[in-house]
């Protein structure tokens, strides 16, 4: 059996001021590996709606912590894609 990684701590990204001022929402999809310790490693942008969101998305994701994926009861590293959303709330 295989259990996917589960986020136990998520940190919201820092919203770039100029995009918040302009009311721009967006999403950055980050491809990364969740290692056997539940840490985010090798994050890279898979796609993004706006380049200005990429750095804050990567920075936030590095602070996330996961319960690692398990294969037959043992923690294993897995590659996943995580959408980081920037939602404008006026």
Protein backbone atom coordinates (compact mmCIF):
# COMPACT_ATOMS: atom_id res chain seq x y z
CA UNK A 1 0.00 0.00 0.00
CA UNK A 2 1.06 3.53 -0.65
CA UNK A 3 0.14 6.61 1.35
CA UNK A 4 0.65 10.07 -0.15
CA UNK A 5 2.47 12.80 1.77
CA UNK A 6 0.22 14.95 3.95
CA UNK A 7 1.02 18.60 4.72
CA UNK A 8 1.24 19.18 8.47
CA UNK A 9 2.41 22.78 8.25
CA UNK A 10 1.60 25.12 5.39
CA UNK A 11 2.85 28.68 5.16
CA UNK A 12 0.98 31.18 2.99
CA UNK A 13 3.11 32.95 0.37
CA UNK A 14 3.97 36.61 0.67
CA UNK A 15 1.75 38.52 -1.73
CA UNK A 16 3.80 40.90 -3.92
CA UNK A 17 2.64 44.42 -3.05
CA UNK A 18 2.23 45.69 -6.59
CA UNK A 19 0.06 42.71 -7.56
CA UNK A 20 -2.09 43.05 -4.47
CA UNK A 21 -2.48 46.75 -5.24
CA UNK A 22 -3.61 45.91 -8.78
CA UNK A 23 -5.95 43.18 -7.53
CA UNK A 24 -4.11 40.43 -9.40
CA UNK A 25 -4.78 36.84 -8.29
CA UNK A 26 -2.81 33.89 -9.53
CA UNK A 27 -1.46 30.43 -9.01
CA UNK A 28 1.99 28.91 -9.22
CA UNK A 29 2.32 25.15 -9.59
CA UNK A 30 5.52 23.92 -7.99
CA UNK A 31 7.02 20.52 -8.69
CA UNK A 32 9.06 19.21 -5.78
CA UNK A 33 10.20 16.15 -3.89
CA UNK A 34 8.91 15.43 -0.40
CA UNK A 35 11.77 13.48 1.16
CA UNK A 36 11.50 10.65 3.69
CA UNK A 37 11.75 13.22 6.52
CA UNK A 38 8.78 15.18 5.17
CA UNK A 39 10.84 18.13 3.95
CA UNK A 40 10.34 19.90 0.62
CA UNK A 41 13.38 19.49 -1.61
CA UNK A 42 14.23 20.53 -5.17
CA UNK A 43 11.24 22.82 -5.66
CA UNK A 44 10.92 24.17 -9.19
CA UNK A 45 8.20 26.13 -10.92
CA UNK A 46 6.18 23.93 -13.24
CA UNK A 47 3.83 26.68 -14.39
CA UNK A 48 2.76 30.07 -13.18
CA UNK A 49 0.17 32.65 -14.11
CA UNK A 50 2.54 35.52 -13.30
CA UNK A 51 6.33 35.55 -12.92
CA UNK A 52 6.17 37.85 -9.91
CA UNK A 53 4.43 35.10 -7.92
CA UNK A 54 7.18 32.51 -8.49
CA UNK A 55 9.76 33.58 -5.90
CA UNK A 56 7.30 34.02 -3.03
CA UNK A 57 5.66 30.67 -3.90
CA UNK A 58 9.01 28.84 -3.75
CA UNK A 59 10.02 30.65 -0.56
CA UNK A 60 6.76 29.74 1.17
CA UNK A 61 6.88 26.12 0.08
CA UNK A 62 10.37 25.66 1.52
CA UNK A 63 8.84 26.28 4.96
CA UNK A 64 6.14 23.64 4.53
CA UNK A 65 6.41 20.40 6.45
CA UNK A 66 4.85 17.08 5.47
CA UNK A 67 4.10 13.74 6.96
CA UNK A 68 6.14 11.73 4.44
CA UNK A 69 4.65 9.35 1.92
CA UNK A 70 4.72 5.72 2.96
CA UNK A 71 5.25 2.59 0.93
CA UNK A 72 4.33 -0.55 2.87
CA UNK A 73 4.70 1.34 6.15
CA UNK A 74 8.13 2.84 5.42
CA UNK A 75 8.68 6.54 4.68
CA UNK A 76 9.74 7.15 1.08
CA UNK A 77 10.53 10.24 -1.00
CA UNK A 78 7.97 11.17 -3.68
CA UNK A 79 7.68 13.78 -6.41
CA UNK A 80 4.51 15.85 -6.36
CA UNK A 81 3.11 19.07 -7.80
CA UNK A 82 1.61 21.62 -5.45
CA UNK A 83 -0.49 24.60 -6.54
CA UNK A 84 0.26 27.72 -4.47
CA UNK A 85 -2.66 30.11 -4.77
CA UNK A 86 -2.53 33.88 -4.51
CA UNK A 87 -6.09 35.01 -3.94
CA UNK A 88 -6.85 38.71 -3.97
CA UNK A 89 -9.30 39.73 -1.30
CA UNK A 90 -10.31 43.33 -1.83
